[in-house]
Amino acid sequence: MSEEGLDDGFHDALGSLDFAMIQHDRRGVLQYARRPNRFLTEWVHDYGDEALFTWEFDLGEFISEAGWQIGAAEHSFQILYPQFDVRLRRDIDAVAAEIQRLEHRLANLDLTDPAL
């Protein structure tokens, strides 16, 4: 993908959702990041013909700040991320729907739920 991908409206639409372009890699993929809080980063990789949505949650830092620990208290590199990324059409509504789906799921995570 070339720089003209920045002019097709998708770039500006991602900006309206608070995504910032972080990198234009060697293969031409534009990578955007959004940080709703200091632990969660949502990513959109723009391939020109489709987009990929993924995310990462810095679980180690979150747990450490909560006064908890994982295993032997090693909190470095304890990252929660999806098993599978989501491929989308280059459409801001599709991106917004994935954000909403992810954040709804994370917001409703109840560790006391007996159904777990």
PDB file of N, CA and C in Angstrom:
ATOM      1  N   MET A   1       0.851  -1.176   0.000  1.00  0.00           N
ATOM      2  CA  MET A   1       0.000   0.000   0.000  1.00  0.00           C
ATOM      3  C   MET A   1       0.886   1.225   0.000  1.00  0.00           C
ATOM      4  N   SER A   2       0.534   2.189  -0.757  1.00  0.00           N
ATOM      5  CA  SER A   2       1.336   3.406  -0.831  1.00  0.00           C
ATOM      6  C   SER A   2       0.704   4.508   0.006  1.00  0.00           C
ATOM      7  N   GLU A   3       1.366   5.649  -0.011  1.00  0.00           N
ATOM      8  CA  GLU A   3       0.891   6.795   0.774  1.00  0.00           C
ATOM      9  C   GLU A   3      -0.478   7.284   0.327  1.00  0.00           C
ATOM     10  N   GLU A   4      -0.904   6.949  -0.907  1.00  0.00           N
ATOM     11  CA  GLU A   4      -2.226   7.428  -1.325  1.00  0.00           C
ATOM     12  C   GLU A   4      -3.335   6.818  -0.486  1.00  0.00           C
ATOM     13  N   GLY A   5      -3.070   5.717   0.214  1.00  0.00           N
ATOM     14  CA  GLY A   5      -4.055   5.144   1.120  1.00  0.00           C
ATOM     15  C   GLY A   5      -4.457   6.114   2.211  1.00  0.00           C
ATOM     16  N   LEU A   6      -3.584   7.089   2.480  1.00  0.00           N
ATOM     17  CA  LEU A   6      -3.903   8.095   3.481  1.00  0.00           C
ATOM     18  C   LEU A   6      -4.958   9.069   2.979  1.00  0.00           C
ATOM     19  N   ASP A   7      -5.171   9.111   1.665  1.00  0.00           N
ATOM     20  CA  ASP A   7      -6.079  10.078   1.075  1.00  0.00           C
ATOM     21  C   ASP A   7      -7.454   9.513   0.754  1.00  0.00           C
ATOM     22  N   ASP A   8      -7.712   8.253   1.051  1.00  0.00           N
ATOM     23  CA  ASP A   8      -8.974   7.659   0.627  1.00  0.00           C
ATOM     24  C   ASP A   8     -10.091   7.764   1.666  1.00  0.00           C
ATOM     25  N   GLY A   9      -9.871   8.454   2.765  1.00  0.00           N
ATOM     26  CA  GLY A   9     -10.904   8.637   3.772  1.00  0.00           C
ATOM     27  C   GLY A   9     -10.811   7.674   4.941  1.00  0.00           C
ATOM     28  N   PHE A  10     -10.278   6.490   4.730  1.00  0.00           N
ATOM     29  CA  PHE A  10     -10.174   5.511   5.815  1.00  0.00           C
ATOM     30  C   PHE A  10      -9.227   6.017   6.904  1.00  0.00           C
ATOM     31  N   HIS A  11      -8.126   6.611   6.494  1.00  0.00           N
ATOM     32  CA  HIS A  11      -7.159   7.179   7.441  1.00  0.00           C
ATOM     33  C   HIS A  11      -7.834   8.225   8.343  1.00  0.00           C
ATOM     34  N   ASP A  12      -8.542   9.161   7.738  1.00  0.00           N
ATOM     35  CA  ASP A  12      -9.220  10.204   8.521  1.00  0.00           C
ATOM     36  C   ASP A  12     -10.318   9.621   9.403  1.00  0.00           C
ATOM     37  N   ALA A  13     -11.019   8.620   8.880  1.00  0.00           N
ATOM     38  CA  ALA A  13     -12.082   7.986   9.666  1.00  0.00           C
ATOM     39  C   ALA A  13     -11.494   7.298  10.894  1.00  0.00           C
ATOM     40  N   LEU A  14     -10.339   6.632  10.741  1.00  0.00           N
ATOM     41  CA  LEU A  14      -9.681   6.015  11.899  1.00  0.00           C
ATOM     42  C   LEU A  14      -9.274   7.090  12.895  1.00  0.00           C
ATOM     43  N   GLY A  15      -8.814   8.220  12.413  1.00  0.00           N
ATOM     44  CA  GLY A  15      -8.475   9.342  13.292  1.00  0.00           C
ATOM     45  C   GLY A  15      -9.678   9.823  14.088  1.00  0.00           C
ATOM     46  N   SER A  16     -10.854   9.766  13.490  1.00  0.00           N
ATOM     47  CA  SER A  16     -12.060  10.190  14.205  1.00  0.00           C
ATOM     48  C   SER A  16     -12.399   9.244  15.357  1.00  0.00           C
ATOM     49  N   LEU A  17     -11.860   8.008  15.299  1.00  0.00           N
ATOM     50  CA  LEU A  17     -12.036   7.050  16.395  1.00  0.00           C
ATOM     51  C   LEU A  17     -10.830   7.054  17.342  1.00  0.00           C
ATOM     52  N   ASP A  18      -9.964   8.065  17.195  1.00  0.00           N
ATOM     53  CA  ASP A  18      -8.764   8.239  18.023  1.00  0.00           C
ATOM     54  C   ASP A  18      -7.640   7.260  17.727  1.00  0.00           C
ATOM     55  N   PHE A  19      -7.630   6.671  16.544  1.00  0.00           N
ATOM     56  CA  PHE A  19      -6.492   5.869  16.122  1.00  0.00           C
ATOM     57  C   PHE A  19      -5.434   6.810  15.558  1.00  0.00           C
ATOM     58  N   ALA A  20      -4.184   6.520  15.844  1.00  0.00           N
ATOM     59  CA  ALA A  20      -3.065   7.269  15.287  1.00  0.00           C
ATOM     60  C   ALA A  20      -2.207   6.307  14.477  1.00  0.00           C
ATOM     61  N   MET A  21      -1.724   6.777  13.326  1.00  0.00           N
ATOM     62  CA  MET A  21      -0.838   5.931  12.534  1.00  0.00           C
ATOM     63  C   MET A  21       0.500   5.831  13.255  1.00  0.00           C
ATOM     64  N   ILE A  22       0.923   4.605  13.492  1.00  0.00           N
ATOM     65  CA  ILE A  22       2.152   4.333  14.229  1.00  0.00           C
ATOM     66  C   ILE A  22       3.288   3.969  13.281  1.00  0.00           C
ATOM     67  N   GLN A  23       2.963   3.222  12.223  1.00  0.00           N
ATOM     68  CA  GLN A  23       4.022   2.713  11.367  1.00  0.00           C
ATOM     69  C   GLN A  23       3.507   2.421   9.977  1.00  0.00           C
ATOM     70  N   HIS A  24       4.372   2.603   9.015  1.00  0.00           N
ATOM     71  CA  HIS A  24       4.154   2.185   7.633  1.00  0.00           C
ATOM     72  C   HIS A  24       5.262   1.184   7.364  1.00  0.00           C
ATOM     73  N   ASP A  25       4.946  -0.117   7.406  1.00  0.00           N
ATOM     74  CA  ASP A  25       6.007  -1.129   7.361  1.00  0.00           C
ATOM     75  C   ASP A  25       6.552  -1.347   5.944  1.00  0.00           C
ATOM     76  N   ARG A  26       7.547  -2.201   5.839  1.00  0.00           N
ATOM     77  CA  ARG A  26       8.236  -2.459   4.567  1.00  0.00           C
ATOM     78  C   ARG A  26       7.315  -3.011   3.501  1.00  0.00           C
ATOM     79  N   ARG A  27       6.292  -3.730   3.906  1.00  0.00           N
ATOM     80  CA  ARG A  27       5.345  -4.310   2.938  1.00  0.00           C
ATOM     81  C   ARG A  27       4.267  -3.315   2.540  1.00  0.00           C
ATOM     82  N   GLY A  28       4.289  -2.123   3.146  1.00  0.00           N
ATOM     83  CA  GLY A  28       3.306  -1.098   2.819  1.00  0.00           C
ATOM     84  C   GLY A  28       2.078  -1.100   3.698  1.00  0.00           C
ATOM     85  N   VAL A  29       2.059  -1.935   4.726  1.00  0.00           N
ATOM     86  CA  VAL A  29       0.908  -1.996   5.626  1.00  0.00           C
ATOM     87  C   VAL A  29       0.971  -0.813   6.591  1.00  0.00           C
ATOM     88  N   LEU A  30      -0.134  -0.103   6.702  1.00  0.00           N
ATOM     89  CA  LEU A  30      -0.232   1.005   7.651  1.00  0.00           C
ATOM     90  C   LEU A  30      -0.774   0.461   8.964  1.00  0.00           C
ATOM     91  N   GLN A  31      -0.101   0.768  10.061  1.00  0.00           N
ATOM     92  CA  GLN A  31      -0.506   0.264  11.369  1.00  0.00           C
ATOM     93  C   GLN A  31      -0.951   1.433  12.248  1.00  0.00           C
ATOM     94  N   TYR A  32      -2.157   1.299  12.779  1.00  0.00           N
ATOM     95  CA  TYR A  32      -2.773   2.317  13.613  1.00  0.00           C
ATOM     96  C   TYR A  32      -3.003   1.767  15.013  1.00  0.00           C
ATOM     97  N   ALA A  33      -2.864   2.625  16.017  1.00  0.00           N
ATOM     98  CA  ALA A  33      -3.106   2.216  17.399  1.00  0.00           C
ATOM     99  C   ALA A  33      -4.052   3.193  18.079  1.00  0.00           C
ATOM    100  N   ARG A  34      -4.821   2.654  18.994  1.00  0.00           N
ATOM    101  CA  ARG A  34      -5.750   3.424  19.835  1.00  0.00           C
ATOM    102  C   ARG A  34      -5.582   2.912  21.252  1.00  0.00           C
ATOM    103  N   ARG A  35      -5.475   3.841  22.220  1.00  0.00           N
ATOM    104  CA  ARG A  35      -5.274   3.436  23.616  1.00  0.00           C
ATOM    105  C   ARG A  35      -6.420   3.978  24.474  1.00  0.00           C
ATOM    106  N   PRO A  36      -7.478   3.194  24.651  1.00  0.00           N
ATOM    107  CA  PRO A  36      -8.593   3.650  25.481  1.00  0.00           C
ATOM    108  C   PRO A  36      -8.200   3.829  26.946  1.00  0.00           C
ATOM    109  N   ASN A  37      -7.171   3.091  27.399  1.00  0.00           N
ATOM    110  CA  ASN A  37      -6.627   3.282  28.745  1.00  0.00           C
ATOM    111  C   ASN A  37      -5.166   2.844  28.722  1.00  0.00           C
ATOM    112  N   ARG A  38      -4.489   2.953  29.830  1.00  0.00           N
ATOM    113  CA  ARG A  38      -3.040   2.689  29.827  1.00  0.00           C
ATOM    114  C   ARG A  38      -2.689   1.211  29.706  1.00  0.00           C
ATOM    115  N   PHE A  39      -3.642   0.315  29.789  1.00  0.00           N
ATOM    116  CA  PHE A  39      -3.374  -1.114  29.686  1.00  0.00           C
ATOM    117  C   PHE A  39      -3.799  -1.713  28.341  1.00  0.00           C
ATOM    118  N   LEU A  40      -4.810  -1.135  27.707  1.00  0.00           N
ATOM    119  CA  LEU A  40      -5.394  -1.688  26.481  1.00  0.00           C
ATOM    120  C   LEU A  40      -4.931  -0.895  25.260  1.00  0.00           C
ATOM    121  N   THR A  41      -4.445  -1.620  24.252  1.00  0.00           N
ATOM    122  CA  THR A  41      -4.119  -1.019  22.954  1.00  0.00           C
ATOM    123  C   THR A  41      -4.879  -1.792  21.890  1.00  0.00           C
ATOM    124  N   GLU A  42      -5.622  -1.066  21.079  1.00  0.00           N
ATOM    125  CA  GLU A  42      -6.352  -1.655  19.956  1.00  0.00           C
ATOM    126  C   GLU A  42      -5.582  -1.286  18.683  1.00  0.00           C
ATOM    127  N   TRP A  43      -5.471  -2.242  17.778  1.00  0.00           N
ATOM    128  CA  TRP A  43      -4.684  -2.054  16.558  1.00  0.00           C
ATOM    129  C   TRP A  43      -5.537  -2.276  15.320  1.00  0.00           C
ATOM    130  N   VAL A  44      -5.309  -1.461  14.303  1.00  0.00           N
ATOM    131  CA  VAL A  44      -5.839  -1.698  12.961  1.00  0.00           C
ATOM    132  C   VAL A  44      -4.645  -1.714  12.021  1.00  0.00           C
ATOM    133  N   HIS A  45      -4.522  -2.802  11.265  1.00  0.00           N
ATOM    134  CA  HIS A  45      -3.496  -2.933  10.233  1.00  0.00           C
ATOM    135  C   HIS A  45      -4.225  -2.778   8.897  1.00  0.00           C
ATOM    136  N   ASP A  46      -3.873  -1.746   8.153  1.00  0.00           N
ATOM    137  CA  ASP A  46      -4.535  -1.431   6.888  1.00  0.00           C
ATOM    138  C   ASP A  46      -3.700  -1.992   5.737  1.00  0.00           C
ATOM    139  N   TYR A  47      -4.234  -3.019   5.072  1.00  0.00           N
ATOM    140  CA  TYR A  47      -3.543  -3.673   3.967  1.00  0.00           C
ATOM    141  C   TYR A  47      -3.907  -3.077   2.614  1.00  0.00           C
ATOM    142  N   GLY A  48      -4.769  -2.087   2.602  1.00  0.00           N
ATOM    143  CA  GLY A  48      -5.170  -1.462   1.344  1.00  0.00           C
ATOM    144  C   GLY A  48      -6.437  -2.048   0.769  1.00  0.00           C
ATOM    145  N   ASP A  49      -6.570  -3.382   0.821  1.00  0.00           N
ATOM    146  CA  ASP A  49      -7.775  -4.031   0.313  1.00  0.00           C
ATOM    147  C   ASP A  49      -8.631  -4.590   1.446  1.00  0.00           C
ATOM    148  N   GLU A  50      -8.047  -4.702   2.629  1.00  0.00           N
ATOM    149  CA  GLU A  50      -8.764  -5.131   3.827  1.00  0.00           C
ATOM    150  C   GLU A  50      -8.015  -4.604   5.037  1.00  0.00           C
ATOM    151  N   ALA A  51      -8.640  -4.735   6.189  1.00  0.00           N
ATOM    152  CA  ALA A  51      -8.024  -4.311   7.443  1.00  0.00           C
ATOM    153  C   ALA A  51      -8.039  -5.482   8.416  1.00  0.00           C
ATOM    154  N   LEU A  52      -7.140  -5.432   9.366  1.00  0.00           N
ATOM    155  CA  LEU A  52      -7.077  -6.440  10.409  1.00  0.00           C
ATOM    156  C   LEU A  52      -7.197  -5.720  11.745  1.00  0.00           C
ATOM    157  N   PHE A  53      -8.097  -6.192  12.609  1.00  0.00           N
ATOM    158  CA  PHE A  53      -8.284  -5.620  13.937  1.00  0.00           C
ATOM    159  C   PHE A  53      -7.745  -6.603  14.970  1.00  0.00           C
ATOM    160  N   THR A  54      -6.939  -6.102  15.881  1.00  0.00           N
ATOM    161  CA  THR A  54      -6.441  -6.910  16.971  1.00  0.00           C
ATOM    162  C   THR A  54      -6.246  -6.003  18.188  1.00  0.00           C
ATOM    163  N   TRP A  55      -5.839  -6.590  19.290  1.00  0.00           N
ATOM    164  CA  TRP A  55      -5.675  -5.803  20.511  1.00  0.00           C
ATOM    165  C   TRP A  55      -4.710  -6.519  21.440  1.00  0.00           C
ATOM    166  N   GLU A  56      -4.236  -5.766  22.422  1.00  0.00           N
ATOM    167  CA  GLU A  56      -3.409  -6.350  23.484  1.00  0.00           C
ATOM    168  C   GLU A  56      -3.714  -5.623  24.790  1.00  0.00           C
ATOM    169  N   PHE A  57      -3.710  -6.383  25.860  1.00  0.00           N
ATOM    170  CA  PHE A  57      -3.975  -5.847  27.191  1.00  0.00           C
ATOM    171  C   PHE A  57      -2.779  -6.209  28.064  1.00  0.00           C
ATOM    172  N   ASP A  58      -2.145  -5.205  28.665  1.00  0.00           N
ATOM    173  CA  ASP A  58      -0.970  -5.439  29.500  1.00  0.00           C
ATOM    174  C   ASP A  58      -1.426  -5.974  30.853  1.00  0.00           C
ATOM    175  N   LEU A  59      -1.700  -7.267  30.860  1.00  0.00           N
ATOM    176  CA  LEU A  59      -2.237  -7.936  32.039  1.00  0.00           C
ATOM    177  C   LEU A  59      -1.265  -7.886  33.207  1.00  0.00           C
ATOM    178  N   GLY A  60       0.028  -8.053  32.925  1.00  0.00           N
ATOM    179  CA  GLY A  60       1.028  -8.034  33.989  1.00  0.00           C
ATOM    180  C   GLY A  60       1.039  -6.720  34.753  1.00  0.00           C
ATOM    181  N   GLU A  61       1.025  -5.611  34.031  1.00  0.00           N
ATOM    182  CA  GLU A  61       1.017  -4.294  34.690  1.00  0.00           C
ATOM    183  C   GLU A  61      -0.297  -4.060  35.423  1.00  0.00           C
ATOM    184  N   PHE A  62      -1.404  -4.468  34.814  1.00  0.00           N
ATOM    185  CA  PHE A  62      -2.713  -4.322  35.450  1.00  0.00           C
ATOM    186  C   PHE A  62      -2.752  -5.084  36.773  1.00  0.00           C
ATOM    187  N   ILE A  63      -2.303  -6.332  36.748  1.00  0.00           N
ATOM    188  CA  ILE A  63      -2.301  -7.180  37.942  1.00  0.00           C
ATOM    189  C   ILE A  63      -1.386  -6.592  39.015  1.00  0.00           C
ATOM    190  N   SER A  64      -0.220  -6.137  38.599  1.00  0.00           N
ATOM    191  CA  SER A  64       0.742  -5.554  39.544  1.00  0.00           C
ATOM    192  C   SER A  64       0.158  -4.323  40.232  1.00  0.00           C
ATOM    193  N   GLU A  65      -0.476  -3.444  39.452  1.00  0.00           N
ATOM    194  CA  GLU A  65      -1.070  -2.240  40.039  1.00  0.00           C
ATOM    195  C   GLU A  65      -2.243  -2.561  40.960  1.00  0.00           C
ATOM    196  N   ALA A  66      -2.904  -3.694  40.711  1.00  0.00           N
ATOM    197  CA  ALA A  66      -4.018  -4.099  41.577  1.00  0.00           C
ATOM    198  C   ALA A  66      -3.520  -4.748  42.871  1.00  0.00           C
ATOM    199  N   GLY A  67      -2.192  -4.983  42.964  1.00  0.00           N
ATOM    200  CA  GLY A  67      -1.639  -5.619  44.154  1.00  0.00           C
ATOM    201  C   GLY A  67      -1.743  -7.132  44.127  1.00  0.00           C
ATOM    202  N   TRP A  68      -1.903  -7.710  42.937  1.00  0.00           N
ATOM    203  CA  TRP A  68      -1.990  -9.145  42.768  1.00  0.00           C
ATOM    204  C   TRP A  68      -0.726  -9.632  42.081  1.00  0.00           C
ATOM    205  N   GLN A  69      -0.632 -10.931  41.854  1.00  0.00           N
ATOM    206  CA  GLN A  69       0.482 -11.465  41.094  1.00  0.00           C
ATOM    207  C   GLN A  69       0.043 -12.675  40.300  1.00  0.00           C
ATOM    208  N   ILE A  70       0.805 -12.961  39.263  1.00  0.00           N
ATOM    209  CA  ILE A  70       0.594 -14.144  38.431  1.00  0.00           C
ATOM    210  C   ILE A  70       1.783 -15.058  38.675  1.00  0.00           C
ATOM    211  N   GLY A  71       1.532 -16.281  39.061  1.00  0.00           N
ATOM    212  CA  GLY A  71       2.620 -17.234  39.269  1.00  0.00           C
ATOM    213  C   GLY A  71       3.638 -16.728  40.271  1.00  0.00           C
ATOM    214  N   ALA A  72       4.874 -16.668  39.836  1.00  0.00           N
ATOM    215  CA  ALA A  72       5.979 -16.263  40.714  1.00  0.00           C
ATOM    216  C   ALA A  72       6.182 -14.749  40.709  1.00  0.00           C
ATOM    217  N   ALA A  73       5.128 -14.006  40.478  1.00  0.00           N
ATOM    218  CA  ALA A  73       5.125 -12.537  40.509  1.00  0.00           C
ATOM    219  C   ALA A  73       5.906 -11.906  39.367  1.00  0.00           C
ATOM    220  N   GLU A  74       6.115 -12.648  38.304  1.00  0.00           N
ATOM    221  CA  GLU A  74       6.763 -12.072  37.125  1.00  0.00           C
ATOM    222  C   GLU A  74       5.676 -11.410  36.280  1.00  0.00           C
ATOM    223  N   HIS A  75       5.654 -10.090  36.277  1.00  0.00           N
ATOM    224  CA  HIS A  75       4.589  -9.416  35.541  1.00  0.00           C
ATOM    225  C   HIS A  75       5.055  -8.856  34.203  1.00  0.00           C
ATOM    226  N   SER A  76       6.333  -8.908  33.927  1.00  0.00           N
ATOM    227  CA  SER A  76       6.816  -8.461  32.621  1.00  0.00           C
ATOM    228  C   SER A  76       6.313  -9.408  31.539  1.00  0.00           C
ATOM    229  N   PHE A  77       5.892  -8.858  30.445  1.00  0.00           N
ATOM    230  CA  PHE A  77       5.495  -9.616  29.266  1.00  0.00           C
ATOM    231  C   PHE A  77       4.285 -10.526  29.497  1.00  0.00           C
ATOM    232  N   GLN A  78       3.449 -10.189  30.430  1.00  0.00           N
ATOM    233  CA  GLN A  78       2.189 -10.910  30.606  1.00  0.00           C
ATOM    234  C   GLN A  78       1.125 -10.127  29.828  1.00  0.00           C
ATOM    235  N   ILE A  79       0.985 -10.471  28.557  1.00  0.00           N
ATOM    236  CA  ILE A  79       0.099  -9.748  27.662  1.00  0.00           C
ATOM    237  C   ILE A  79      -1.083 -10.643  27.295  1.00  0.00           C
ATOM    238  N   LEU A  80      -2.274 -10.105  27.442  1.00  0.00           N
ATOM    239  CA  LEU A  80      -3.495 -10.778  27.020  1.00  0.00           C
ATOM    240  C   LEU A  80      -3.825 -10.283  25.615  1.00  0.00           C
ATOM    241  N   TYR A  81      -4.083 -11.194  24.699  1.00  0.00           N
ATOM    242  CA  TYR A  81      -4.434 -10.818  23.335  1.00  0.00           C
ATOM    243  C   TYR A  81      -5.326 -11.901  22.750  1.00  0.00           C
ATOM    244  N   PRO A  82      -6.023 -11.598  21.652  1.00  0.00           N
ATOM    245  CA  PRO A  82      -6.944 -12.595  21.098  1.00  0.00           C
ATOM    246  C   PRO A  82      -6.206 -13.754  20.458  1.00  0.00           C
ATOM    247  N   GLN A  83      -6.825 -14.909  20.501  1.00  0.00           N
ATOM    248  CA  GLN A  83      -6.251 -16.073  19.838  1.00  0.00           C
ATOM    249  C   GLN A  83      -6.246 -15.873  18.324  1.00  0.00           C
ATOM    250  N   PHE A  84      -7.262 -15.176  17.812  1.00  0.00           N
ATOM    251  CA  PHE A  84      -7.377 -14.919  16.382  1.00  0.00           C
ATOM    252  C   PHE A  84      -7.701 -13.450  16.163  1.00  0.00           C
ATOM    253  N   ASP A  85      -7.003 -12.819  15.222  1.00  0.00           N
ATOM    254  CA  ASP A  85      -7.308 -11.450  14.835  1.00  0.00           C
ATOM    255  C   ASP A  85      -8.525 -11.455  13.914  1.00  0.00           C
ATOM    256  N   VAL A  86      -9.133 -10.292  13.735  1.00  0.00           N
ATOM    257  CA  VAL A  86     -10.344 -10.190  12.926  1.00  0.00           C
ATOM    258  C   VAL A  86     -10.029  -9.445  11.635  1.00  0.00           C
ATOM    259  N   ARG A  87     -10.287 -10.100  10.510  1.00  0.00           N
ATOM    260  CA  ARG A  87     -10.135  -9.436   9.213  1.00  0.00           C
ATOM    261  C   ARG A  87     -11.441  -8.738   8.878  1.00  0.00           C
ATOM    262  N   LEU A  88     -11.314  -7.490   8.431  1.00  0.00           N
ATOM    263  CA  LEU A  88     -12.480  -6.644   8.148  1.00  0.00           C
ATOM    264  C   LEU A  88     -12.356  -6.005   6.776  1.00  0.00           C
ATOM    265  N   ARG A  89     -13.465  -5.563   6.257  1.00  0.00           N
ATOM    266  CA  ARG A  89     -13.403  -4.693   5.093  1.00  0.00           C
ATOM    267  C   ARG A  89     -12.887  -3.334   5.578  1.00  0.00           C
ATOM    268  N   ARG A  90     -12.324  -2.558   4.713  1.00  0.00           N
ATOM    269  CA  ARG A  90     -11.815  -1.235   5.086  1.00  0.00           C
ATOM    270  C   ARG A  90     -12.997  -0.283   5.234  1.00  0.00           C
ATOM    271  N   ASP A  91     -13.683  -0.413   6.335  1.00  0.00           N
ATOM    272  CA  ASP A  91     -14.899   0.345   6.583  1.00  0.00           C
ATOM    273  C   ASP A  91     -14.903   0.763   8.050  1.00  0.00           C
ATOM    274  N   ILE A  92     -15.090   2.019   8.306  1.00  0.00           N
ATOM    275  CA  ILE A  92     -15.008   2.518   9.681  1.00  0.00           C
ATOM    276  C   ILE A  92     -16.115   1.938  10.553  1.00  0.00           C
ATOM    277  N   ASP A  93     -17.258   1.641   9.991  1.00  0.00           N
ATOM    278  CA  ASP A  93     -18.332   1.026  10.775  1.00  0.00           C
ATOM    279  C   ASP A  93     -17.952  -0.372  11.238  1.00  0.00           C
ATOM    280  N   ALA A  94     -17.236  -1.117  10.392  1.00  0.00           N
ATOM    281  CA  ALA A  94     -16.774  -2.452  10.776  1.00  0.00           C
ATOM    282  C   ALA A  94     -15.750  -2.351  11.910  1.00  0.00           C
ATOM    283  N   VAL A  95     -14.854  -1.371  11.830  1.00  0.00           N
ATOM    284  CA  VAL A  95     -13.867  -1.158  12.895  1.00  0.00           C
ATOM    285  C   VAL A  95     -14.578  -0.771  14.189  1.00  0.00           C
ATOM    286  N   ALA A  96     -15.515   0.158  14.104  1.00  0.00           N
ATOM    287  CA  ALA A  96     -16.253   0.609  15.294  1.00  0.00           C
ATOM    288  C   ALA A  96     -17.024  -0.542  15.935  1.00  0.00           C
ATOM    289  N   ALA A  97     -17.571  -1.425  15.124  1.00  0.00           N
ATOM    290  CA  ALA A  97     -18.306  -2.578  15.661  1.00  0.00           C
ATOM    291  C   ALA A  97     -17.367  -3.521  16.414  1.00  0.00           C
ATOM    292  N   GLU A  98     -16.158  -3.725  15.904  1.00  0.00           N
ATOM    293  CA  GLU A  98     -15.187  -4.581  16.600  1.00  0.00           C
ATOM    294  C   GLU A  98     -14.736  -3.947  17.911  1.00  0.00           C
ATOM    295  N   ILE A  99     -14.535  -2.639  17.912  1.00  0.00           N
ATOM    296  CA  ILE A  99     -14.187  -1.943  19.153  1.00  0.00           C
ATOM    297  C   ILE A  99     -15.291  -2.143  20.178  1.00  0.00           C
ATOM    298  N   GLN A 100     -16.519  -1.925  19.765  1.00  0.00           N
ATOM    299  CA  GLN A 100     -17.659  -2.065  20.672  1.00  0.00           C
ATOM    300  C   GLN A 100     -17.775  -3.496  21.201  1.00  0.00           C
ATOM    301  N   ARG A 101     -17.596  -4.478  20.318  1.00  0.00           N
ATOM    302  CA  ARG A 101     -17.682  -5.885  20.724  1.00  0.00           C
ATOM    303  C   ARG A 101     -16.602  -6.212  21.755  1.00  0.00           C
ATOM    304  N   LEU A 102     -15.366  -5.801  21.484  1.00  0.00           N
ATOM    305  CA  LEU A 102     -14.265  -6.064  22.398  1.00  0.00           C
ATOM    306  C   LEU A 102     -14.479  -5.376  23.739  1.00  0.00           C
ATOM    307  N   GLU A 103     -14.778  -4.094  23.709  1.00  0.00           N
ATOM    308  CA  GLU A 103     -14.894  -3.354  24.958  1.00  0.00           C
ATOM    309  C   GLU A 103     -16.098  -3.799  25.777  1.00  0.00           C
ATOM    310  N   HIS A 104     -17.171  -4.235  25.121  1.00  0.00           N
ATOM    311  CA  HIS A 104     -18.316  -4.785  25.842  1.00  0.00           C
ATOM    312  C   HIS A 104     -17.918  -6.079  26.544  1.00  0.00           C
ATOM    313  N   ARG A 105     -17.191  -6.919  25.829  1.00  0.00           N
ATOM    314  CA  ARG A 105     -16.756  -8.193  26.416  1.00  0.00           C
ATOM    315  C   ARG A 105     -15.816  -7.973  27.599  1.00  0.00           C
ATOM    316  N   LEU A 106     -14.868  -7.055  27.452  1.00  0.00           N
ATOM    317  CA  LEU A 106     -13.940  -6.776  28.550  1.00  0.00           C
ATOM    318  C   LEU A 106     -14.654  -6.122  29.735  1.00  0.00           C
ATOM    319  N   ALA A 107     -15.580  -5.219  29.450  1.00  0.00           N
ATOM    320  CA  ALA A 107     -16.299  -4.522  30.522  1.00  0.00           C
ATOM    321  C   ALA A 107     -17.197  -5.469  31.311  1.00  0.00           C
ATOM    322  N   ASN A 108     -17.650  -6.532  30.669  1.00  0.00           N
ATOM    323  CA  ASN A 108     -18.550  -7.465  31.337  1.00  0.00           C
ATOM    324  C   ASN A 108     -17.851  -8.725  31.839  1.00  0.00           C
ATOM    325  N   LEU A 109     -16.536  -8.686  31.898  1.00  0.00           N
ATOM    326  CA  LEU A 109     -15.785  -9.814  32.433  1.00  0.00           C
ATOM    327  C   LEU A 109     -15.963  -9.845  33.946  1.00  0.00           C
ATOM    328  N   ASP A 110     -16.593 -10.880  34.419  1.00  0.00           N
ATOM    329  CA  ASP A 110     -16.889 -11.029  35.857  1.00  0.00           C
ATOM    330  C   ASP A 110     -16.173 -12.265  36.368  1.00  0.00           C
ATOM    331  N   LEU A 111     -15.075 -12.057  37.077  1.00  0.00           N
ATOM    332  CA  LEU A 111     -14.279 -13.181  37.568  1.00  0.00           C
ATOM    333  C   LEU A 111     -14.977 -13.962  38.690  1.00  0.00           C
ATOM    334  N   THR A 112     -16.080 -13.432  39.207  1.00  0.00           N
ATOM    335  CA  THR A 112     -16.842 -14.150  40.225  1.00  0.00           C
ATOM    336  C   THR A 112     -18.010 -14.936  39.636  1.00  0.00           C
ATOM    337  N   ASP A 113     -18.173 -14.874  38.330  1.00  0.00           N
ATOM    338  CA  ASP A 113     -19.275 -15.551  37.652  1.00  0.00           C
ATOM    339  C   ASP A 113     -19.142 -17.066  37.827  1.00  0.00           C
ATOM    340  N   PRO A 114     -20.121 -17.730  38.451  1.00  0.00           N
ATOM    341  CA  PRO A 114     -20.056 -19.189  38.632  1.00  0.00           C
ATOM    342  C   PRO A 114     -20.049 -19.949  37.308  1.00  0.00           C
ATOM    343  N   ALA A 115     -20.476 -19.334  36.244  1.00  0.00           N
ATOM    344  CA  ALA A 115     -20.519 -20.005  34.944  1.00  0.00           C
ATOM    345  C   ALA A 115     -19.135 -20.118  34.302  1.00  0.00           C
ATOM    346  N   LEU A 116     -18.145 -19.470  34.871  1.00  0.00           N
ATOM    347  CA  LEU A 116     -16.790 -19.573  34.282  1.00  0.00           C
ATOM    348  C   LEU A 116     -16.239 -20.962  34.416  1.00  0.00           C
TER     349      LEU A 116
END
